[in-house]
Amino acid sequence: MGDVRDLRSGRRRGAPPPIVDDELVVIAERSASRQARHWVMRAVAGAGVGGAANQVIELLAGELVSNAVVHGPSGEPVRVAVRVDGPVVRVAVTDRGGGTPQVRHPEPTALNGRGMALVEALSTAWGSARLPDGGTTVWFEVDTDE
């Protein structure tokens, strides 16, 4: 008799999921968010994360990269790191800007300002850190078992 496999992921049932630890560098320009979102989506899907969790991770990664493009220096590199460790997916976005992310609650008619509120509401945890060189890293985690 062969291995029992989870049909959704192709992994043996009970086997730990693969660990992904990868990074993409994009340039802070309009297309960066789309490029990063798609890369993150493929990276976590390759680790067996699908469905709603994959969509949430893709959305939040896009929000962080959009913030880096809007609030960081134009034309500079933006680093997007993804780590899948068991059921926890962590995405970190680093730019050379000096800002600190803030959760805002804009008026319903406002055109923007909801990105960090989405990160706060949909992630398991999130935070930010100022870097010695003046840059900023903003990260979130999603526990796919929840």
C-alpha atoms as a PDB file:
ATOM      1  CA  MET A   1       0.000   0.000   0.000  1.00  0.00           C
ATOM      2  CA  GLY A   2       1.349   3.460  -0.898  1.00  0.00           C
ATOM      3  CA  ASP A   3       1.612   6.672   1.085  1.00  0.00           C
ATOM      4  CA  VAL A   4      -1.572   8.415   2.145  1.00  0.00           C
ATOM      5  CA  ARG A   5      -1.496  11.862   0.579  1.00  0.00           C
ATOM      6  CA  ASP A   6      -3.456  15.022   1.188  1.00  0.00           C
ATOM      7  CA  LEU A   7      -5.088  15.563  -2.201  1.00  0.00           C
ATOM      8  CA  ARG A   8      -5.153  19.352  -1.774  1.00  0.00           C
ATOM      9  CA  SER A   9      -1.401  19.734  -1.341  1.00  0.00           C
ATOM     10  CA  GLY A  10       0.167  16.536  -2.660  1.00  0.00           C
ATOM     11  CA  ARG A  11       2.044  16.029   0.658  1.00  0.00           C
ATOM     12  CA  ARG A  12       2.006  12.849   2.715  1.00  0.00           C
ATOM     13  CA  ARG A  13      -0.581  13.164   5.472  1.00  0.00           C
ATOM     14  CA  GLY A  14       1.132  14.040   8.744  1.00  0.00           C
ATOM     15  CA  ALA A  15       4.329  15.203   7.042  1.00  0.00           C
ATOM     16  CA  PRO A  16       5.485  18.684   8.024  1.00  0.00           C
ATOM     17  CA  PRO A  17       4.978  21.275   5.309  1.00  0.00           C
ATOM     18  CA  PRO A  18       8.057  22.445   3.472  1.00  0.00           C
ATOM     19  CA  ILE A  19       9.844  25.495   4.781  1.00  0.00           C
ATOM     20  CA  VAL A  20      10.106  28.400   2.359  1.00  0.00           C
ATOM     21  CA  ASP A  21      12.534  31.229   3.032  1.00  0.00           C
ATOM     22  CA  ASP A  22      12.906  33.417  -0.039  1.00  0.00           C
ATOM     23  CA  GLU A  23      13.266  37.049  -1.048  1.00  0.00           C
ATOM     24  CA  LEU A  24      12.375  39.210  -4.035  1.00  0.00           C
ATOM     25  CA  VAL A  25      13.705  42.685  -4.763  1.00  0.00           C
ATOM     26  CA  VAL A  26      11.510  45.056  -6.775  1.00  0.00           C
ATOM     27  CA  ILE A  27      11.996  48.709  -7.638  1.00  0.00           C
ATOM     28  CA  ALA A  28       9.659  51.215  -5.978  1.00  0.00           C
ATOM     29  CA  GLU A  29       7.387  51.965  -8.931  1.00  0.00           C
ATOM     30  CA  ARG A  30       3.723  51.459  -9.812  1.00  0.00           C
ATOM     31  CA  SER A  31       4.082  47.853 -11.007  1.00  0.00           C
ATOM     32  CA  ALA A  32       5.965  46.697  -7.884  1.00  0.00           C
ATOM     33  CA  SER A  33       2.877  45.797  -5.865  1.00  0.00           C
ATOM     34  CA  ARG A  34       1.401  43.581  -8.582  1.00  0.00           C
ATOM     35  CA  GLN A  35       4.737  41.877  -9.212  1.00  0.00           C
ATOM     36  CA  ALA A  36       5.313  41.233  -5.503  1.00  0.00           C
ATOM     37  CA  ARG A  37       1.744  40.016  -4.885  1.00  0.00           C
ATOM     38  CA  HIS A  38       1.979  37.426  -7.634  1.00  0.00           C
ATOM     39  CA  TRP A  39       5.421  36.266  -6.468  1.00  0.00           C
ATOM     40  CA  VAL A  40       4.218  35.898  -2.856  1.00  0.00           C
ATOM     41  CA  MET A  41       1.081  34.043  -4.002  1.00  0.00           C
ATOM     42  CA  ARG A  42       3.175  31.524  -5.987  1.00  0.00           C
ATOM     43  CA  ALA A  43       5.731  31.108  -3.174  1.00  0.00           C
ATOM     44  CA  VAL A  44       3.139  30.252  -0.533  1.00  0.00           C
ATOM     45  CA  ALA A  45       1.129  28.086  -2.943  1.00  0.00           C
ATOM     46  CA  GLY A  46       4.311  26.126  -3.600  1.00  0.00           C
ATOM     47  CA  ALA A  47       4.455  25.430   0.135  1.00  0.00           C
ATOM     48  CA  GLY A  48       0.903  24.069   0.067  1.00  0.00           C
ATOM     49  CA  VAL A  49      -0.903  27.184   1.287  1.00  0.00           C
ATOM     50  CA  GLY A  50      -4.011  27.701  -0.797  1.00  0.00           C
ATOM     51  CA  GLY A  51      -7.558  28.974  -0.625  1.00  0.00           C
ATOM     52  CA  ALA A  52      -8.544  31.915   1.526  1.00  0.00           C
ATOM     53  CA  ALA A  53      -5.230  31.981   3.433  1.00  0.00           C
ATOM     54  CA  ASN A  54      -3.306  32.401   0.173  1.00  0.00           C
ATOM     55  CA  GLN A  55      -5.626  35.209  -0.916  1.00  0.00           C
ATOM     56  CA  VAL A  56      -5.267  37.032   2.420  1.00  0.00           C
ATOM     57  CA  ILE A  57      -1.479  36.749   2.285  1.00  0.00           C
ATOM     58  CA  GLU A  58      -1.459  38.031  -1.304  1.00  0.00           C
ATOM     59  CA  LEU A  59      -3.697  40.986  -0.386  1.00  0.00           C
ATOM     60  CA  LEU A  60      -1.648  41.988   2.658  1.00  0.00           C
ATOM     61  CA  ALA A  61       1.671  41.636   0.823  1.00  0.00           C
ATOM     62  CA  GLY A  62       0.303  43.938  -1.885  1.00  0.00           C
ATOM     63  CA  GLU A  63      -0.726  46.490   0.746  1.00  0.00           C
ATOM     64  CA  LEU A  64       2.733  46.542   2.332  1.00  0.00           C
ATOM     65  CA  VAL A  65       4.500  46.887  -1.001  1.00  0.00           C
ATOM     66  CA  SER A  66       2.073  49.633  -2.076  1.00  0.00           C
ATOM     67  CA  ASN A  67       2.881  51.503   1.134  1.00  0.00           C
ATOM     68  CA  ALA A  68       6.616  51.115   0.464  1.00  0.00           C
ATOM     69  CA  VAL A  69       6.141  52.532  -3.040  1.00  0.00           C
ATOM     70  CA  VAL A  70       3.961  55.444  -1.888  1.00  0.00           C
ATOM     71  CA  HIS A  71       5.841  56.376   1.281  1.00  0.00           C
ATOM     72  CA  GLY A  72       9.409  55.289   0.437  1.00  0.00           C
ATOM     73  CA  PRO A  73      11.889  56.788  -2.003  1.00  0.00           C
ATOM     74  CA  SER A  74      10.872  56.360  -5.641  1.00  0.00           C
ATOM     75  CA  GLY A  75      13.076  54.170  -7.810  1.00  0.00           C
ATOM     76  CA  GLU A  76      14.787  52.536  -4.829  1.00  0.00           C
ATOM     77  CA  PRO A  77      14.817  48.796  -4.080  1.00  0.00           C
ATOM     78  CA  VAL A  78      12.043  47.247  -2.000  1.00  0.00           C
ATOM     79  CA  ARG A  79      12.782  43.839  -0.460  1.00  0.00           C
ATOM     80  CA  VAL A  80       9.947  41.352  -0.042  1.00  0.00           C
ATOM     81  CA  ALA A  81      10.766  38.329   2.123  1.00  0.00           C
ATOM     82  CA  VAL A  82       8.520  35.293   2.574  1.00  0.00           C
ATOM     83  CA  ARG A  83       8.965  32.591   5.165  1.00  0.00           C
ATOM     84  CA  VAL A  84       6.657  29.612   5.529  1.00  0.00           C
ATOM     85  CA  ASP A  85       7.427  27.699   8.699  1.00  0.00           C
ATOM     86  CA  GLY A  86       4.813  25.092   9.471  1.00  0.00           C
ATOM     87  CA  PRO A  87       1.412  26.751   9.446  1.00  0.00           C
ATOM     88  CA  VAL A  88       2.822  30.273   9.883  1.00  0.00           C
ATOM     89  CA  VAL A  89       3.501  32.474   6.869  1.00  0.00           C
ATOM     90  CA  ARG A  90       5.532  35.639   7.471  1.00  0.00           C
ATOM     91  CA  VAL A  91       5.946  38.376   4.882  1.00  0.00           C
ATOM     92  CA  ALA A  92       8.324  41.292   5.501  1.00  0.00           C
ATOM     93  CA  VAL A  93       8.727  44.340   3.264  1.00  0.00           C
ATOM     94  CA  THR A  94      11.770  46.566   3.633  1.00  0.00           C
ATOM     95  CA  ASP A  95      12.271  49.946   1.989  1.00  0.00           C
ATOM     96  CA  ARG A  96      14.712  52.797   2.414  1.00  0.00           C
ATOM     97  CA  GLY A  97      12.057  55.202   3.652  1.00  0.00           C
ATOM     98  CA  GLY A  98      11.973  56.451   7.190  1.00  0.00           C
ATOM     99  CA  GLY A  99       8.269  56.239   7.914  1.00  0.00           C
ATOM    100  CA  THR A 100       6.444  54.286  10.566  1.00  0.00           C
ATOM    101  CA  PRO A 101       3.221  52.537   9.536  1.00  0.00           C
ATOM    102  CA  GLN A 102       0.065  53.705  11.233  1.00  0.00           C
ATOM    103  CA  VAL A 103      -3.338  52.082  11.349  1.00  0.00           C
ATOM    104  CA  ARG A 104      -5.875  54.639  10.208  1.00  0.00           C
ATOM    105  CA  HIS A 105      -9.629  54.534  10.137  1.00  0.00           C
ATOM    106  CA  PRO A 106     -10.540  56.897   7.306  1.00  0.00           C
ATOM    107  CA  GLU A 107     -13.980  58.150   6.455  1.00  0.00           C
ATOM    108  CA  PRO A 108     -15.985  55.751   4.279  1.00  0.00           C
ATOM    109  CA  THR A 109     -15.663  58.136   1.326  1.00  0.00           C
ATOM    110  CA  ALA A 110     -11.857  58.421   1.573  1.00  0.00           C
ATOM    111  CA  LEU A 111      -9.997  57.033  -1.434  1.00  0.00           C
ATOM    112  CA  ASN A 112      -7.128  55.489   0.537  1.00  0.00           C
ATOM    113  CA  GLY A 113      -5.708  54.940   4.007  1.00  0.00           C
ATOM    114  CA  ARG A 114      -7.113  51.462   4.740  1.00  0.00           C
ATOM    115  CA  GLY A 115      -4.036  49.307   4.041  1.00  0.00           C
ATOM    116  CA  MET A 116      -2.673  48.963   7.563  1.00  0.00           C
ATOM    117  CA  ALA A 117      -6.196  48.518   8.961  1.00  0.00           C
ATOM    118  CA  LEU A 118      -6.502  45.499   6.647  1.00  0.00           C
ATOM    119  CA  VAL A 119      -3.141  44.202   7.834  1.00  0.00           C
ATOM    120  CA  GLU A 120      -4.205  44.626  11.458  1.00  0.00           C
ATOM    121  CA  ALA A 121      -7.589  42.967  10.916  1.00  0.00           C
ATOM    122  CA  LEU A 122      -6.548  40.022   8.742  1.00  0.00           C
ATOM    123  CA  SER A 123      -3.119  39.033  10.042  1.00  0.00           C
ATOM    124  CA  THR A 124      -2.335  36.993  13.139  1.00  0.00           C
ATOM    125  CA  ALA A 125       0.391  39.496  14.094  1.00  0.00           C
ATOM    126  CA  TRP A 126       2.213  42.435  12.528  1.00  0.00           C
ATOM    127  CA  GLY A 127       4.849  44.983  13.372  1.00  0.00           C
ATOM    128  CA  SER A 128       7.586  47.228  12.085  1.00  0.00           C
ATOM    129  CA  ALA A 129      11.203  48.032  12.797  1.00  0.00           C
ATOM    130  CA  ARG A 130      13.466  50.942  11.929  1.00  0.00           C
ATOM    131  CA  LEU A 131      16.762  49.848  10.471  1.00  0.00           C
ATOM    132  CA  PRO A 132      20.163  51.332  11.355  1.00  0.00           C
ATOM    133  CA  ASP A 133      20.541  52.650   7.784  1.00  0.00           C
ATOM    134  CA  GLY A 134      17.276  54.586   8.107  1.00  0.00           C
ATOM    135  CA  GLY A 135      15.076  52.098   6.280  1.00  0.00           C
ATOM    136  CA  THR A 136      11.958  50.428   7.597  1.00  0.00           C
ATOM    137  CA  THR A 137      10.754  46.830   7.661  1.00  0.00           C
ATOM    138  CA  VAL A 138       7.044  46.132   8.046  1.00  0.00           C
ATOM    139  CA  TRP A 139       5.957  42.520   8.509  1.00  0.00           C
ATOM    140  CA  PHE A 140       2.883  40.413   9.110  1.00  0.00           C
ATOM    141  CA  GLU A 141       2.176  36.802   9.961  1.00  0.00           C
ATOM    142  CA  VAL A 142      -0.786  34.640   9.055  1.00  0.00           C
ATOM    143  CA  ASP A 143      -1.365  31.358  10.871  1.00  0.00           C
ATOM    144  CA  THR A 144      -2.951  29.168   8.228  1.00  0.00           C
ATOM    145  CA  ASP A 145      -4.283  26.745  10.859  1.00  0.00           C
ATOM    146  CA  GLU A 146      -6.634  29.355  12.320  1.00  0.00           C
END
